[in-house]
Amino acid sequence: MDVTDEDSVRRGVESVLKRAGRLDAVVNCAGFGIGGSIEDTSLDEARRQFETNFFGILRVCRAALPPLREQGAGRIVNVSSIAGRIGLPYQGLYSATKYAIEGFSEALRMELRPFGIDVSLIEPGDFCTGFTESRRRVAAGNEGPYADRFARALATAEADEMGGHPPVRVARLLLKILRSRSPRLRYTVGPLSQRLSAIAKPLLPAGLVEREVMKHYNVL
């Protein structure tokens, strides 16, 4: 299905129900990245990022929830990111979509608990996937006052991604969540340093976290 097209989403859900007779699990994983400074990002570029990464999840959930509620059981797993816990310089709009998914999933989990439907988040760090190649750069990002820092930050991000583990670890975690009798809200997966950063962020001074993130992305 095309998650940016409501009719396509509706047809996709109807097709599964017709073929299988029920719907047991929904995994929202569609998404792409956009790179560039926030000032250089046009509203149209920002909207396209949200249309897939956030509103795509909303469309799928809205289409899938009626049959899940009628069954009185089911699982929804939304793929977020560690970037939904820690804002990334020059990936601000991508981080914004993932922060939105975090709050959305927290609320959805509470709303659906009375209907026997569990909601969980997977928060991956850097993995070696097609995500790197499909990242889009904002049209105005290659020149101007942000260009040098943007280039350094993006080079670091891409090196981290291409040096990451294959995504089979995320798939194994997904299977674990779907098999769990009582799945948690959040599951973080990826390099140990990134997972620890997400855990430590609320416990550390904000200025220290900010400096360490900027140092890592070579923009300090």
C-alpha atoms as a PDB file:
ATOM      1  CA  MET A   1       0.000   0.000   0.000  1.00  0.00           C
ATOM      2  CA  ASP A   2       0.948   3.635  -0.386  1.00  0.00           C
ATOM      3  CA  VAL A   3       0.653   5.067   3.126  1.00  0.00           C
ATOM      4  CA  THR A   4       0.274   8.605   1.749  1.00  0.00           C
ATOM      5  CA  ASP A   5      -2.931   7.572  -0.087  1.00  0.00           C
ATOM      6  CA  GLU A   6      -5.994   6.934   2.080  1.00  0.00           C
ATOM      7  CA  ASP A   7      -7.756   4.841  -0.572  1.00  0.00           C
ATOM      8  CA  SER A   8      -4.661   2.673  -1.013  1.00  0.00           C
ATOM      9  CA  VAL A   9      -4.462   2.097   2.746  1.00  0.00           C
ATOM     10  CA  ARG A  10      -8.158   1.201   2.935  1.00  0.00           C
ATOM     11  CA  ARG A  11      -7.835  -1.251   0.039  1.00  0.00           C
ATOM     12  CA  GLY A  12      -4.761  -2.815   1.630  1.00  0.00           C
ATOM     13  CA  VAL A  13      -6.520  -3.487   4.928  1.00  0.00           C
ATOM     14  CA  GLU A  14      -9.628  -4.784   3.148  1.00  0.00           C
ATOM     15  CA  SER A  15      -7.460  -7.139   1.070  1.00  0.00           C
ATOM     16  CA  VAL A  16      -5.892  -8.675   4.184  1.00  0.00           C
ATOM     17  CA  LEU A  17      -9.287  -9.119   5.843  1.00  0.00           C
ATOM     18  CA  LYS A  18     -10.697 -10.726   2.701  1.00  0.00           C
ATOM     19  CA  ARG A  19      -7.806 -13.173   2.339  1.00  0.00           C
ATOM     20  CA  ALA A  20      -7.149 -13.986   6.010  1.00  0.00           C
ATOM     21  CA  GLY A  21     -10.504 -13.329   7.654  1.00  0.00           C
ATOM     22  CA  ARG A  22      -8.933 -11.356  10.499  1.00  0.00           C
ATOM     23  CA  LEU A  23      -6.142  -8.939  11.357  1.00  0.00           C
ATOM     24  CA  ASP A  24      -3.772  -9.846  14.180  1.00  0.00           C
ATOM     25  CA  ALA A  25      -0.854  -7.423  13.884  1.00  0.00           C
ATOM     26  CA  VAL A  26      -0.091  -4.078  12.284  1.00  0.00           C
ATOM     27  CA  VAL A  27       3.527  -3.011  11.814  1.00  0.00           C
ATOM     28  CA  ASN A  28       4.085   0.593  10.737  1.00  0.00           C
ATOM     29  CA  CYS A  29       7.572   0.833   9.246  1.00  0.00           C
ATOM     30  CA  ALA A  30       7.227   3.080   6.181  1.00  0.00           C
ATOM     31  CA  GLY A  31       9.454   6.130   6.308  1.00  0.00           C
ATOM     32  CA  PHE A  32      12.333   8.074   4.820  1.00  0.00           C
ATOM     33  CA  GLY A  33      14.819  10.675   5.989  1.00  0.00           C
ATOM     34  CA  ILE A  34      15.338  14.279   4.992  1.00  0.00           C
ATOM     35  CA  GLY A  35      18.621  16.102   5.577  1.00  0.00           C
ATOM     36  CA  GLY A  36      19.223  19.824   5.881  1.00  0.00           C
ATOM     37  CA  SER A  37      18.956  22.709   8.288  1.00  0.00           C
ATOM     38  CA  ILE A  38      15.525  23.600   9.586  1.00  0.00           C
ATOM     39  CA  GLU A  39      15.801  27.104   8.127  1.00  0.00           C
ATOM     40  CA  ASP A  40      16.587  25.677   4.689  1.00  0.00           C
ATOM     41  CA  THR A  41      13.704  23.181   4.769  1.00  0.00           C
ATOM     42  CA  SER A  42      10.693  24.414   2.822  1.00  0.00           C
ATOM     43  CA  LEU A  43       7.184  23.823   4.122  1.00  0.00           C
ATOM     44  CA  ASP A  44       6.499  21.517   1.157  1.00  0.00           C
ATOM     45  CA  GLU A  45       9.566  19.411   2.016  1.00  0.00           C
ATOM     46  CA  ALA A  46       8.501  19.266   5.663  1.00  0.00           C
ATOM     47  CA  ARG A  47       4.955  18.271   4.716  1.00  0.00           C
ATOM     48  CA  ARG A  48       6.220  15.414   2.531  1.00  0.00           C
ATOM     49  CA  GLN A  49       8.297  14.144   5.458  1.00  0.00           C
ATOM     50  CA  PHE A  50       5.284  14.167   7.768  1.00  0.00           C
ATOM     51  CA  GLU A  51       2.918  12.727   5.138  1.00  0.00           C
ATOM     52  CA  THR A  52       4.881   9.469   5.055  1.00  0.00           C
ATOM     53  CA  ASN A  53       6.507   9.201   8.471  1.00  0.00           C
ATOM     54  CA  PHE A  54       3.641  10.390  10.668  1.00  0.00           C
ATOM     55  CA  PHE A  55       0.368  10.718   8.769  1.00  0.00           C
ATOM     56  CA  GLY A  56       1.092   7.397   7.067  1.00  0.00           C
ATOM     57  CA  ILE A  57       0.988   5.699  10.475  1.00  0.00           C
ATOM     58  CA  LEU A  58      -2.187   7.584  11.383  1.00  0.00           C
ATOM     59  CA  ARG A  59      -3.902   6.466   8.170  1.00  0.00           C
ATOM     60  CA  VAL A  60      -2.972   2.822   8.668  1.00  0.00           C
ATOM     61  CA  CYS A  61      -4.043   2.816  12.314  1.00  0.00           C
ATOM     62  CA  ARG A  62      -7.395   4.441  11.537  1.00  0.00           C
ATOM     63  CA  ALA A  63      -8.082   1.852   8.836  1.00  0.00           C
ATOM     64  CA  ALA A  64      -6.988  -1.110  10.970  1.00  0.00           C
ATOM     65  CA  LEU A  65      -8.573  -0.209  14.296  1.00  0.00           C
ATOM     66  CA  PRO A  66     -12.233  -1.082  13.574  1.00  0.00           C
ATOM     67  CA  PRO A  67     -11.525  -4.788  12.859  1.00  0.00           C
ATOM     68  CA  LEU A  68      -9.018  -4.964  15.724  1.00  0.00           C
ATOM     69  CA  ARG A  69     -11.586  -3.539  18.163  1.00  0.00           C
ATOM     70  CA  GLU A  70     -14.278  -5.917  16.938  1.00  0.00           C
ATOM     71  CA  GLN A  71     -11.946  -8.848  17.585  1.00  0.00           C
ATOM     72  CA  GLY A  72     -11.051  -7.520  21.022  1.00  0.00           C
ATOM     73  CA  ALA A  73      -7.385  -8.335  20.424  1.00  0.00           C
ATOM     74  CA  GLY A  74      -4.397  -7.356  18.310  1.00  0.00           C
ATOM     75  CA  ARG A  75      -0.985  -5.720  18.193  1.00  0.00           C
ATOM     76  CA  ILE A  76       0.248  -2.458  16.726  1.00  0.00           C
ATOM     77  CA  VAL A  77       3.998  -1.902  16.478  1.00  0.00           C
ATOM     78  CA  ASN A  78       5.176   1.522  15.336  1.00  0.00           C
ATOM     79  CA  VAL A  79       8.777   1.869  14.209  1.00  0.00           C
ATOM     80  CA  SER A  80      10.146   5.096  15.634  1.00  0.00           C
ATOM     81  CA  SER A  81      13.850   5.850  16.115  1.00  0.00           C
ATOM     82  CA  ILE A  82      16.378   6.873  18.723  1.00  0.00           C
ATOM     83  CA  ALA A  83      16.033  10.170  16.829  1.00  0.00           C
ATOM     84  CA  GLY A  84      12.600  10.312  18.464  1.00  0.00           C
ATOM     85  CA  ARG A  85      14.338  10.516  21.837  1.00  0.00           C
ATOM     86  CA  ILE A  86      17.335  12.682  20.865  1.00  0.00           C
ATOM     87  CA  GLY A  87      17.030  15.490  18.309  1.00  0.00           C
ATOM     88  CA  LEU A  88      19.616  15.193  15.528  1.00  0.00           C
ATOM     89  CA  PRO A  89      21.227  18.309  14.018  1.00  0.00           C
ATOM     90  CA  TYR A  90      20.475  18.710  10.308  1.00  0.00           C
ATOM     91  CA  GLN A  91      17.861  15.956  10.567  1.00  0.00           C
ATOM     92  CA  GLY A  92      15.449  18.101  12.551  1.00  0.00           C
ATOM     93  CA  LEU A  93      12.327  17.369  10.515  1.00  0.00           C
ATOM     94  CA  TYR A  94      13.044  13.640  10.584  1.00  0.00           C
ATOM     95  CA  SER A  95      13.458  13.834  14.365  1.00  0.00           C
ATOM     96  CA  ALA A  96      10.219  15.828  14.585  1.00  0.00           C
ATOM     97  CA  THR A  97       8.265  13.044  12.858  1.00  0.00           C
ATOM     98  CA  LYS A  98       9.737  10.463  15.211  1.00  0.00           C
ATOM     99  CA  TYR A  99       9.010  12.563  18.312  1.00  0.00           C
ATOM    100  CA  ALA A 100       5.426  12.821  17.021  1.00  0.00           C
ATOM    101  CA  ILE A 101       5.212   9.030  16.665  1.00  0.00           C
ATOM    102  CA  GLU A 102       6.391   8.650  20.270  1.00  0.00           C
ATOM    103  CA  GLY A 103       3.629  10.842  21.722  1.00  0.00           C
ATOM    104  CA  PHE A 104       1.036   9.397  19.348  1.00  0.00           C
ATOM    105  CA  SER A 105       1.896   5.836  20.390  1.00  0.00           C
ATOM    106  CA  GLU A 106       1.848   6.634  24.106  1.00  0.00           C
ATOM    107  CA  ALA A 107      -1.670   8.052  23.809  1.00  0.00           C
ATOM    108  CA  LEU A 108      -2.878   5.307  21.457  1.00  0.00           C
ATOM    109  CA  ARG A 109      -1.692   2.598  23.840  1.00  0.00           C
ATOM    110  CA  MET A 110      -3.815   4.046  26.660  1.00  0.00           C
ATOM    111  CA  GLU A 111      -6.865   4.480  24.441  1.00  0.00           C
ATOM    112  CA  LEU A 112      -6.723   0.906  23.115  1.00  0.00           C
ATOM    113  CA  ARG A 113      -5.922  -0.946  26.328  1.00  0.00           C
ATOM    114  CA  PRO A 114      -9.640  -1.399  27.213  1.00  0.00           C
ATOM    115  CA  PHE A 115     -10.150  -3.115  23.828  1.00  0.00           C
ATOM    116  CA  GLY A 116      -7.385  -5.681  24.299  1.00  0.00           C
ATOM    117  CA  ILE A 117      -5.055  -4.080  21.748  1.00  0.00           C
ATOM    118  CA  ASP A 118      -1.385  -3.575  22.632  1.00  0.00           C
ATOM    119  CA  VAL A 119       0.736  -0.769  21.169  1.00  0.00           C
ATOM    120  CA  SER A 120       4.539  -0.845  21.187  1.00  0.00           C
ATOM    121  CA  LEU A 121       7.372   1.261  19.795  1.00  0.00           C
ATOM    122  CA  ILE A 122      10.608   0.017  18.271  1.00  0.00           C
ATOM    123  CA  GLU A 123      13.339   2.656  18.461  1.00  0.00           C
ATOM    124  CA  PRO A 124      16.238   1.619  16.188  1.00  0.00           C
ATOM    125  CA  GLY A 125      19.611   3.262  16.197  1.00  0.00           C
ATOM    126  CA  ASP A 126      21.811   3.120  13.108  1.00  0.00           C
ATOM    127  CA  PHE A 127      21.473   0.058  10.870  1.00  0.00           C
ATOM    128  CA  CYS A 128      22.841  -0.645   7.416  1.00  0.00           C
ATOM    129  CA  THR A 129      19.770  -0.460   5.168  1.00  0.00           C
ATOM    130  CA  GLY A 130      18.501   1.315   2.076  1.00  0.00           C
ATOM    131  CA  PHE A 131      17.512   4.230   4.307  1.00  0.00           C
ATOM    132  CA  THR A 132      20.862   5.943   3.728  1.00  0.00           C
ATOM    133  CA  GLU A 133      20.619   5.844  -0.058  1.00  0.00           C
ATOM    134  CA  SER A 134      16.999   7.035  -0.068  1.00  0.00           C
ATOM    135  CA  ARG A 135      17.582  10.029   2.215  1.00  0.00           C
ATOM    136  CA  ARG A 136      16.595  13.287   0.535  1.00  0.00           C
ATOM    137  CA  ARG A 137      18.485  16.534   0.923  1.00  0.00           C
ATOM    138  CA  VAL A 138      16.609  19.795   1.127  1.00  0.00           C
ATOM    139  CA  ALA A 139      16.887  21.802  -2.078  1.00  0.00           C
ATOM    140  CA  ALA A 140      18.561  24.773  -0.383  1.00  0.00           C
ATOM    141  CA  GLY A 141      20.965  22.735   1.731  1.00  0.00           C
ATOM    142  CA  ASN A 142      24.111  22.768  -0.389  1.00  0.00           C
ATOM    143  CA  GLU A 143      24.965  26.441  -0.002  1.00  0.00           C
ATOM    144  CA  GLY A 144      24.589  29.203   2.541  1.00  0.00           C
ATOM    145  CA  PRO A 145      25.602  29.584   6.193  1.00  0.00           C
ATOM    146  CA  TYR A 146      24.714  25.995   7.173  1.00  0.00           C
ATOM    147  CA  ALA A 147      26.338  24.191   4.245  1.00  0.00           C
ATOM    148  CA  ASP A 148      29.662  23.206   5.850  1.00  0.00           C
ATOM    149  CA  ARG A 149      28.180  21.922   9.112  1.00  0.00           C
ATOM    150  CA  PHE A 150      25.410  20.153   7.234  1.00  0.00           C
ATOM    151  CA  ALA A 151      27.979  18.337   5.080  1.00  0.00           C
ATOM    152  CA  ARG A 152      29.953  17.250   8.156  1.00  0.00           C
ATOM    153  CA  ALA A 153      26.860  16.124  10.064  1.00  0.00           C
ATOM    154  CA  LEU A 154      25.508  14.174   7.111  1.00  0.00           C
ATOM    155  CA  ALA A 155      28.853  12.490   6.468  1.00  0.00           C
ATOM    156  CA  THR A 156      28.934  11.332  10.103  1.00  0.00           C
ATOM    157  CA  ALA A 157      25.326  10.107   9.993  1.00  0.00           C
ATOM    158  CA  GLU A 158      25.893   8.153   6.787  1.00  0.00           C
ATOM    159  CA  ALA A 159      29.094   6.585   8.100  1.00  0.00           C
ATOM    160  CA  ASP A 160      27.255   5.484  11.261  1.00  0.00           C
ATOM    161  CA  GLU A 161      24.426   4.010   9.198  1.00  0.00           C
ATOM    162  CA  MET A 162      26.600   2.181   6.682  1.00  0.00           C
ATOM    163  CA  GLY A 163      28.732   0.806   9.513  1.00  0.00           C
ATOM    164  CA  GLY A 164      25.700  -0.455  11.406  1.00  0.00           C
ATOM    165  CA  HIS A 165      24.426  -4.005  11.805  1.00  0.00           C
ATOM    166  CA  PRO A 166      22.072  -5.594   9.266  1.00  0.00           C
ATOM    167  CA  PRO A 167      18.384  -5.023  10.096  1.00  0.00           C
ATOM    168  CA  VAL A 168      17.729  -8.674  10.991  1.00  0.00           C
ATOM    169  CA  ARG A 169      18.184  -7.624  14.649  1.00  0.00           C
ATOM    170  CA  VAL A 170      15.164  -5.346  14.314  1.00  0.00           C
ATOM    171  CA  ALA A 171      13.175  -8.174  12.707  1.00  0.00           C
ATOM    172  CA  ARG A 172      14.024 -10.525  15.594  1.00  0.00           C
ATOM    173  CA  LEU A 173      12.927  -7.885  18.095  1.00  0.00           C
ATOM    174  CA  LEU A 174       9.669  -7.416  16.199  1.00  0.00           C
ATOM    175  CA  LEU A 175       8.991 -11.153  16.359  1.00  0.00           C
ATOM    176  CA  LYS A 176       9.709 -11.106  20.112  1.00  0.00           C
ATOM    177  CA  ILE A 177       7.200  -8.284  20.616  1.00  0.00           C
ATOM    178  CA  LEU A 178       4.504 -10.025  18.566  1.00  0.00           C
ATOM    179  CA  ARG A 179       4.986 -13.225  20.576  1.00  0.00           C
ATOM    180  CA  SER A 180       5.043 -11.502  23.977  1.00  0.00           C
ATOM    181  CA  ARG A 181       2.035 -11.935  26.237  1.00  0.00           C
ATOM    182  CA  SER A 182       2.491  -8.475  27.690  1.00  0.00           C
ATOM    183  CA  PRO A 183       4.633  -6.282  25.417  1.00  0.00           C
ATOM    184  CA  ARG A 184       6.182  -3.085  26.756  1.00  0.00           C
ATOM    185  CA  LEU A 185       5.655   0.338  25.255  1.00  0.00           C
ATOM    186  CA  ARG A 186       9.286   0.945  24.200  1.00  0.00           C
ATOM    187  CA  TYR A 187      12.029  -1.271  22.814  1.00  0.00           C
ATOM    188  CA  THR A 188      15.359   0.266  21.796  1.00  0.00           C
ATOM    189  CA  VAL A 189      17.684  -1.621  19.461  1.00  0.00           C
ATOM    190  CA  GLY A 190      21.019  -0.747  17.897  1.00  0.00           C
ATOM    191  CA  PRO A 191      24.575   0.154  18.917  1.00  0.00           C
ATOM    192  CA  LEU A 192      25.096   0.068  22.688  1.00  0.00           C
ATOM    193  CA  SER A 193      26.347   3.670  22.821  1.00  0.00           C
ATOM    194  CA  GLN A 194      23.181   4.927  21.129  1.00  0.00           C
ATOM    195  CA  ARG A 195      20.884   2.892  23.343  1.00  0.00           C
ATOM    196  CA  LEU A 196      22.682   4.130  26.452  1.00  0.00           C
ATOM    197  CA  SER A 197      22.425   7.717  25.208  1.00  0.00           C
ATOM    198  CA  ALA A 198      18.649   7.435  24.943  1.00  0.00           C
ATOM    199  CA  ILE A 199      18.450   6.022  28.473  1.00  0.00           C
ATOM    200  CA  ALA A 200      20.865   8.563  29.964  1.00  0.00           C
ATOM    201  CA  LYS A 201      19.438  11.688  28.310  1.00  0.00           C
ATOM    202  CA  PRO A 202      16.696  12.376  30.920  1.00  0.00           C
ATOM    203  CA  LEU A 203      19.231  11.902  33.718  1.00  0.00           C
ATOM    204  CA  LEU A 204      21.953  14.238  32.431  1.00  0.00           C
ATOM    205  CA  PRO A 205      22.153  18.043  32.212  1.00  0.00           C
ATOM    206  CA  ALA A 206      20.633  19.225  28.929  1.00  0.00           C
ATOM    207  CA  GLY A 207      23.741  21.263  28.074  1.00  0.00           C
ATOM    208  CA  LEU A 208      25.985  18.214  28.404  1.00  0.00           C
ATOM    209  CA  VAL A 209      23.752  16.126  26.135  1.00  0.00           C
ATOM    210  CA  GLU A 210      23.667  18.929  23.574  1.00  0.00           C
ATOM    211  CA  ARG A 211      27.449  19.273  23.494  1.00  0.00           C
ATOM    212  CA  GLU A 212      28.008  15.529  23.148  1.00  0.00           C
ATOM    213  CA  VAL A 213      25.541  15.242  20.262  1.00  0.00           C
ATOM    214  CA  MET A 214      27.118  18.224  18.492  1.00  0.00           C
ATOM    215  CA  LYS A 215      30.605  16.792  19.014  1.00  0.00           C
ATOM    216  CA  HIS A 216      29.557  13.437  17.616  1.00  0.00           C
ATOM    217  CA  TYR A 217      28.129  15.030  14.472  1.00  0.00           C
ATOM    218  CA  ASN A 218      31.165  17.295  14.115  1.00  0.00           C
ATOM    219  CA  VAL A 219      29.173  20.535  14.268  1.00  0.00           C
ATOM    220  CA  LEU A 220      30.417  22.025  17.545  1.00  0.00           C
END
